Amino acid sequence: MAYDVFLVSALADRDMAKLIARRLRALKFKVWLDQKQTDETFDAKDARDATNSKSMLVLWSKDAVQSDWVRAAASIGHSLPGTLVQAGLDKTIPYEPFKKDKRHAIGGMTSRKTPEGFYQIVDELGDRHDRTDLRAWMGFKKSDEEDKDDWLKAHPTDPLAIHAEKQRQKKLGVKPAPAAAAAGAAALAAAAVGGTSSAAKAKANAPVVSPMKAAVVRPAVANAGPSDAESIGWGTIGGILASIGLMLLLGWVFRSEPLPMNEAGMPAVANSYRMMEVCPEGTLPQSLLKPRTLETGPIINDTE
C-alpha cells in the first residue's frame, strides 16, 4: 500500500508520534506508523513501505539518534530526493548526513498546543502533495461552519473536500457511484444477455435528434432493415429455440421406438437373454439341486 507520510520515531517517542499521526490523519494524509513495534530491526517490509511512501517524516531526539531503526529508515528517505522531512523533538543534532538538512522544531507539542514547526511541516507536506491553504483549515474552530464550507468549495479536489462530500451523500442516503471496473463488468454482462439488451444499449447510445430533423430523417429510414445488434440478438434467440425443438423431437422419436426382442421373446434389456441361456425356462441352477452333506470326522470333546 502507498502512503502519503512514513512516520519514523524512536520507541521512547511513540506517544509523540501517535499525536502527530492523529493530527496529520485529521488533514486526510495517509500516515504509516507501526504502533506495535517492539524491536529495532528494520526489515524488508519496513523498507518496502518506506520506499512506497511519498514523504518520510523523521522525529529526531536524543533517543532517535541512538536508534538503529531510525537511522536505517532515515537513510532510505535521504536517498530518495524530495522525500525526507525532519522534525526536532528537542535540541539534539543528528549525525551526518542529516545534520545539514532543515529540522522543524516541534518540542512541547500537545493536543492543545501546536508549535509553529508543525505548521511548517504541514505546509511542506502540502506543497509535495499539491495541497494548498492547509494552514488556514487548521486555524478554523469547530463553530466556523461557514468558513469551512467556503474553504471546501474553494478546494473541491482536496482530500478534505472529497471526504466531506462523501459524508454529505451518506447522510442523504445517496449510494456511491460504482467503480469503473464494476461498471464495465455490468455492461459486458448486459451485452451477453442478447438482443433486447443490445438493442436498448444501441438506443441509449444513439445521438439525440431534434423533432424537425426527425421529420426529415424518418422517411429515409422507414424501409431500413434491422440493426446489426438486433440481427445478432434475434439470430441467437432463433438458434436457441431451434436447438430446443430438435432435442424434443429426437427425444420423442427414440422414446417411441420399440425395444429389440431376444430369442426368448423378451426385451433385450441388459443381459436378460444371457440368463435365459444359462438357466432355461422351467429349470433350476445345478448348484441348488446338488445335495449338500456334512463330511464325517472325529468327535471332539470340547467340554474339558
Protein backbone atom coordinates (compact mmCIF):
# COMPACT_ATOMS: atom_id res chain seq x y z
CA MET A 1 0.00 0.00 0.00
CA ALA A 2 1.22 3.50 -0.83
CA TYR A 3 1.28 6.08 1.97
CA ASP A 4 1.49 9.86 1.96
CA VAL A 5 3.73 10.02 5.04
CA PHE A 6 6.03 7.37 6.53
CA LEU A 7 6.42 8.41 10.17
CA VAL A 8 9.73 7.50 11.86
CA SER A 9 10.43 7.81 15.58
CA ALA A 10 12.24 6.07 18.41
CA LEU A 11 10.29 3.70 20.64
CA ALA A 12 10.66 6.16 23.52
CA ASP A 13 8.98 8.88 21.41
CA ARG A 14 6.00 6.75 20.41
CA ASP A 15 3.42 8.89 22.25
CA MET A 16 4.52 11.99 20.34
CA ALA A 17 4.47 10.01 17.09
CA LYS A 18 0.86 8.92 17.75
CA LEU A 19 -0.17 12.54 18.39
CA ILE A 20 1.42 13.72 15.14
CA ALA A 21 -0.14 10.82 13.23
CA ARG A 22 -3.60 11.78 14.51
CA ARG A 23 -3.12 15.42 13.54
CA LEU A 24 -1.96 14.50 10.03
CA ARG A 25 -4.74 11.96 9.55
CA ALA A 26 -7.26 14.62 10.55
CA LEU A 27 -5.99 16.52 7.50
CA LYS A 28 -6.61 13.34 5.41
CA PHE A 29 -2.97 12.36 4.97
CA LYS A 30 -2.38 8.61 4.78
CA VAL A 31 0.16 8.04 7.55
CA TRP A 32 2.22 4.89 8.20
CA LEU A 33 3.01 4.24 11.87
CA ASP A 34 3.77 0.85 13.41
CA GLN A 35 2.20 1.21 16.85
CA LYS A 36 3.05 -2.41 17.72
CA GLN A 37 6.78 -2.08 17.04
CA THR A 38 8.86 -3.62 19.82
CA ASP A 39 12.33 -4.06 18.33
CA GLU A 40 14.96 -2.12 16.38
CA THR A 41 15.04 -4.42 13.33
CA PHE A 42 14.43 -2.60 10.06
CA ASP A 43 13.13 -5.47 7.91
CA ALA A 44 12.22 -5.79 4.23
CA LYS A 45 8.56 -4.86 4.81
CA ASP A 46 9.58 -1.61 6.51
CA ALA A 47 11.89 -0.81 3.61
CA ARG A 48 9.12 -1.50 1.08
CA ASP A 49 6.59 0.69 2.89
CA ALA A 50 9.16 3.48 3.24
CA THR A 51 10.02 3.32 -0.47
CA ASN A 52 6.34 3.36 -1.49
CA SER A 53 5.60 6.45 0.62
CA LYS A 54 5.69 9.89 -1.00
CA SER A 55 7.20 11.56 2.06
CA MET A 56 9.07 10.48 5.20
CA LEU A 57 8.80 12.43 8.44
CA VAL A 58 11.61 11.68 10.92
CA LEU A 59 11.28 12.77 14.54
CA TRP A 60 14.80 13.39 15.87
CA SER A 61 15.54 13.27 19.61
CA LYS A 62 18.24 12.07 22.00
CA ASP A 63 16.71 8.56 21.77
CA ALA A 64 16.24 8.69 17.99
CA VAL A 65 19.92 9.37 17.23
CA GLN A 66 20.80 6.17 19.12
CA SER A 67 18.17 4.03 17.38
CA ASP A 68 19.39 1.76 14.59
CA TRP A 69 15.84 1.56 13.24
CA VAL A 70 15.50 5.36 12.97
CA ARG A 71 18.89 5.75 11.26
CA ALA A 72 18.13 2.92 8.78
CA ALA A 73 14.73 4.41 7.86
CA ALA A 74 16.10 7.96 7.63
CA SER A 75 18.86 6.72 5.31
CA ILE A 76 16.25 5.43 2.86
CA GLY A 77 14.38 8.73 2.99
CA HIS A 78 17.62 10.65 2.44
CA SER A 79 18.47 8.51 -0.60
CA LEU A 80 15.15 9.42 -2.29
CA PRO A 81 15.20 13.06 -3.45
CA GLY A 82 12.32 15.19 -2.23
CA THR A 83 11.15 12.61 0.33
CA LEU A 84 12.74 13.40 3.72
CA VAL A 85 11.12 15.85 6.16
CA GLN A 86 12.82 16.30 9.55
CA ALA A 87 11.43 17.44 12.87
CA GLY A 88 13.21 18.03 16.18
CA LEU A 89 11.57 16.99 19.44
CA ASP A 90 14.46 18.51 21.41
CA LYS A 91 17.75 20.29 20.70
CA THR A 92 19.59 17.08 19.75
CA ILE A 93 21.54 17.38 16.47
CA PRO A 94 21.54 14.19 14.37
CA TYR A 95 24.63 12.74 12.74
CA GLU A 96 25.72 13.21 9.13
CA PRO A 97 24.22 13.41 6.58
CA PHE A 98 21.09 14.56 8.43
CA LYS A 99 22.56 17.44 10.46
CA LYS A 100 22.82 19.75 7.44
CA ASP A 101 19.15 19.42 6.43
CA LYS A 102 16.46 21.66 7.90
CA ARG A 103 14.63 20.45 11.00
CA HIS A 104 11.28 21.85 12.18
CA ALA A 105 11.17 22.38 15.95
CA ILE A 106 8.03 20.86 17.48
CA GLY A 107 9.21 20.41 21.06
CA GLY A 108 6.45 20.76 23.66
CA MET A 109 3.67 19.94 21.19
CA THR A 110 0.43 18.71 22.80
CA SER A 111 -3.15 18.03 21.70
CA ARG A 112 -3.98 21.67 22.59
CA LYS A 113 -0.67 23.34 21.75
CA THR A 114 0.55 23.50 18.16
CA PRO A 115 4.03 24.98 17.66
CA GLU A 116 4.97 26.88 14.52
CA GLY A 117 7.19 23.99 13.46
CA PHE A 118 4.19 21.73 12.96
CA TYR A 119 2.51 24.32 10.71
CA GLN A 120 5.73 24.40 8.68
CA ILE A 121 5.69 20.60 8.39
CA VAL A 122 2.09 20.71 7.13
CA ASP A 123 3.00 23.43 4.61
CA GLU A 124 5.92 21.36 3.30
CA LEU A 125 3.85 18.20 3.04
CA GLY A 126 1.06 20.14 1.37
CA ASP A 127 3.43 21.50 -1.30
CA ARG A 128 4.65 17.98 -2.06
CA HIS A 129 1.10 16.65 -2.37
CA ASP A 130 -0.29 19.60 -4.35
CA ARG A 131 -2.47 20.79 -1.46
CA THR A 132 -2.78 24.45 -0.53
CA ASP A 133 -4.14 26.55 2.35
CA LEU A 134 -3.97 23.74 4.90
CA ARG A 135 -2.72 26.20 7.49
CA ALA A 136 -5.97 28.17 7.08
CA TRP A 137 -8.02 25.00 7.57
CA MET A 138 -6.11 24.22 10.76
CA GLY A 139 -7.00 27.68 12.09
CA PHE A 140 -10.77 27.10 11.87
CA LYS A 141 -12.68 26.40 15.05
CA LYS A 142 -15.45 23.85 15.38
CA SER A 143 -18.03 26.62 15.22
CA ASP A 144 -16.66 28.10 11.96
CA GLU A 145 -19.02 26.09 9.76
CA GLU A 146 -19.48 28.77 7.10
CA ASP A 147 -15.73 29.37 6.78
CA LYS A 148 -15.16 25.63 6.44
CA ASP A 149 -17.82 25.37 3.73
CA ASP A 150 -16.22 28.23 1.81
CA TRP A 151 -12.81 26.57 2.11
CA LEU A 152 -14.17 23.22 0.85
CA LYS A 153 -15.87 24.91 -2.11
CA ALA A 154 -12.62 26.70 -2.96
CA HIS A 155 -10.66 23.38 -2.86
CA PRO A 156 -13.02 20.78 -4.39
CA THR A 157 -10.22 18.32 -5.25
CA ASP A 158 -8.60 18.36 -1.81
CA PRO A 159 -9.00 15.11 0.20
CA LEU A 160 -10.78 17.11 2.89
CA ALA A 161 -13.42 18.28 0.40
CA ILE A 162 -13.80 14.80 -1.09
CA HIS A 163 -14.31 13.31 2.37
CA ALA A 164 -16.86 15.99 3.30
CA GLU A 165 -18.83 15.30 0.11
CA LYS A 166 -18.90 11.56 0.84
CA GLN A 167 -20.18 12.24 4.34
CA ARG A 168 -22.89 14.55 2.98
CA GLN A 169 -24.08 11.96 0.46
CA LYS A 170 -24.06 9.29 3.16
CA LYS A 171 -26.38 11.37 5.33
CA LEU A 172 -28.69 11.89 2.35
CA GLY A 173 -28.73 8.17 1.64
CA VAL A 174 -27.07 8.53 -1.76
CA LYS A 175 -25.19 5.39 -2.76
CA PRO A 176 -21.69 5.93 -4.17
CA ALA A 177 -21.23 5.52 -7.91
CA PRO A 178 -19.88 2.08 -8.93
CA ALA A 179 -16.22 1.80 -9.71
CA ALA A 180 -15.11 1.80 -13.35
CA ALA A 181 -14.25 -1.91 -13.25
CA ALA A 182 -17.65 -2.82 -11.81
CA ALA A 183 -19.45 -0.66 -14.36
CA GLY A 184 -17.54 -2.32 -17.20
CA ALA A 185 -18.37 -5.80 -15.92
CA ALA A 186 -22.05 -4.88 -15.66
CA ALA A 187 -22.03 -3.60 -19.25
CA LEU A 188 -20.46 -6.84 -20.51
CA ALA A 189 -22.99 -8.93 -18.58
CA ALA A 190 -25.87 -6.92 -20.03
CA ALA A 191 -24.47 -7.27 -23.55
CA ALA A 192 -24.18 -11.05 -23.13
CA VAL A 193 -27.92 -11.42 -22.46
CA GLY A 194 -28.76 -10.89 -26.13
CA GLY A 195 -30.92 -8.90 -28.44
CA THR A 196 -33.07 -6.91 -26.05
CA SER A 197 -30.21 -5.52 -24.00
CA SER A 198 -28.13 -4.94 -27.14
CA ALA A 199 -30.95 -3.01 -28.77
CA ALA A 200 -31.52 -1.00 -25.61
CA LYS A 201 -27.81 -0.23 -25.37
CA ALA A 202 -27.73 0.90 -29.02
CA LYS A 203 -30.80 3.03 -28.41
CA ALA A 204 -29.23 4.59 -25.32
CA ASN A 205 -26.05 5.44 -27.20
CA ALA A 206 -27.89 6.85 -30.23
CA PRO A 207 -27.50 10.61 -30.81
CA VAL A 208 -30.41 12.87 -29.89
CA VAL A 209 -32.26 14.19 -32.95
CA SER A 210 -34.49 17.24 -32.82
CA PRO A 211 -38.16 16.90 -33.92
CA MET A 212 -37.54 18.90 -37.12
CA LYS A 213 -34.62 16.68 -38.12
CA ALA A 214 -36.58 13.56 -37.17
CA ALA A 215 -39.36 14.55 -39.57
CA VAL A 216 -36.83 14.73 -42.37
CA VAL A 217 -34.87 11.61 -41.48
CA ARG A 218 -37.85 9.31 -40.79
CA PRO A 219 -38.90 8.67 -44.45
CA ALA A 220 -35.35 7.77 -45.41
CA VAL A 221 -35.01 5.08 -42.75
CA ALA A 222 -38.57 3.75 -42.83
CA ASN A 223 -37.65 0.78 -45.07
CA ALA A 224 -34.30 0.13 -43.47
CA GLY A 225 -33.67 -3.35 -42.11
CA PRO A 226 -32.88 -4.21 -38.50
CA SER A 227 -29.64 -3.04 -36.99
CA ASP A 228 -26.67 -5.34 -36.59
CA ALA A 229 -27.23 -5.58 -32.84
CA GLU A 230 -30.91 -6.55 -33.36
CA SER A 231 -30.00 -9.11 -36.07
CA ILE A 232 -27.44 -10.75 -33.85
CA GLY A 233 -29.88 -10.85 -30.94
CA TRP A 234 -32.80 -12.41 -32.85
CA GLY A 235 -30.45 -14.84 -34.58
CA THR A 236 -29.15 -16.03 -31.22
CA ILE A 237 -32.66 -16.48 -29.85
CA GLY A 238 -33.76 -18.33 -33.00
CA GLY A 239 -30.81 -20.70 -32.79
CA ILE A 240 -31.56 -21.49 -29.14
CA LEU A 241 -35.23 -22.19 -29.91
CA ALA A 242 -34.29 -24.41 -32.87
CA SER A 243 -31.89 -26.43 -30.71
CA ILE A 244 -34.55 -26.94 -28.04
CA GLY A 245 -37.07 -28.08 -30.64
CA LEU A 246 -34.60 -30.55 -32.18
CA MET A 247 -33.81 -32.08 -28.79
CA LEU A 248 -37.53 -32.53 -28.02
CA LEU A 249 -38.10 -34.17 -31.42
CA LEU A 250 -35.19 -36.60 -31.02
CA GLY A 251 -36.37 -37.50 -27.51
CA TRP A 252 -39.86 -38.30 -28.80
CA VAL A 253 -38.54 -40.45 -31.69
CA PHE A 254 -36.20 -42.56 -29.56
CA ARG A 255 -38.74 -42.91 -26.77
CA SER A 256 -41.43 -44.27 -29.17
CA GLU A 257 -39.14 -46.84 -30.88
CA PRO A 258 -39.85 -50.42 -29.61
CA LEU A 259 -37.07 -52.29 -27.81
CA PRO A 260 -35.42 -55.19 -29.71
CA MET A 261 -36.51 -58.70 -28.68
CA ASN A 262 -34.21 -61.63 -27.94
CA GLU A 263 -34.65 -65.28 -28.95
CA ALA A 264 -36.89 -66.00 -25.97
CA GLY A 265 -39.31 -63.25 -26.96
CA MET A 266 -38.23 -60.91 -24.14
CA PRO A 267 -36.94 -57.36 -24.49
CA ALA A 268 -33.19 -57.33 -24.89
CA VAL A 269 -32.58 -55.27 -21.78
CA ALA A 270 -29.22 -55.61 -20.05
CA ASN A 271 -28.20 -59.33 -20.13
CA SER A 272 -31.60 -60.97 -19.61
CA TYR A 273 -31.23 -63.24 -22.67
CA ARG A 274 -27.90 -64.49 -21.38
CA MET A 275 -29.62 -65.54 -18.17
CA MET A 276 -32.12 -67.45 -20.27
CA GLU A 277 -29.29 -69.34 -21.94
CA VAL A 278 -27.60 -70.22 -18.66
CA CYS A 279 -30.85 -71.12 -16.89
CA PRO A 280 -33.57 -72.22 -19.38
CA GLU A 281 -37.19 -71.73 -18.57
CA GLY A 282 -38.60 -74.26 -16.08
CA THR A 283 -35.22 -75.34 -14.70
CA LEU A 284 -33.17 -74.53 -11.63
CA PRO A 285 -29.43 -73.99 -11.36
CA GLN A 286 -27.44 -77.15 -10.70
CA SER A 287 -25.91 -75.56 -7.63
CA LEU A 288 -29.34 -75.61 -5.99
CA LEU A 289 -30.10 -79.21 -6.99
CA LYS A 290 -26.81 -80.70 -5.81
CA PRO A 291 -27.32 -82.32 -2.41
CA ARG A 292 -25.33 -80.88 0.41
CA THR A 293 -23.99 -83.34 3.03
CA LEU A 294 -21.78 -82.93 6.01
CA GLU A 295 -18.46 -84.65 5.96
CA THR A 296 -17.88 -87.06 8.83
CA GLY A 297 -14.98 -86.67 11.17
CA PRO A 298 -13.76 -87.48 14.64
CA ILE A 299 -15.85 -86.39 17.62
CA ILE A 300 -14.02 -83.88 19.77
CA ASN A 301 -14.94 -83.33 23.43
CA ASP A 302 -14.52 -79.60 23.97
CA THR A 303 -16.11 -79.50 27.43
CA GLU A 304 -12.90 -80.32 29.29
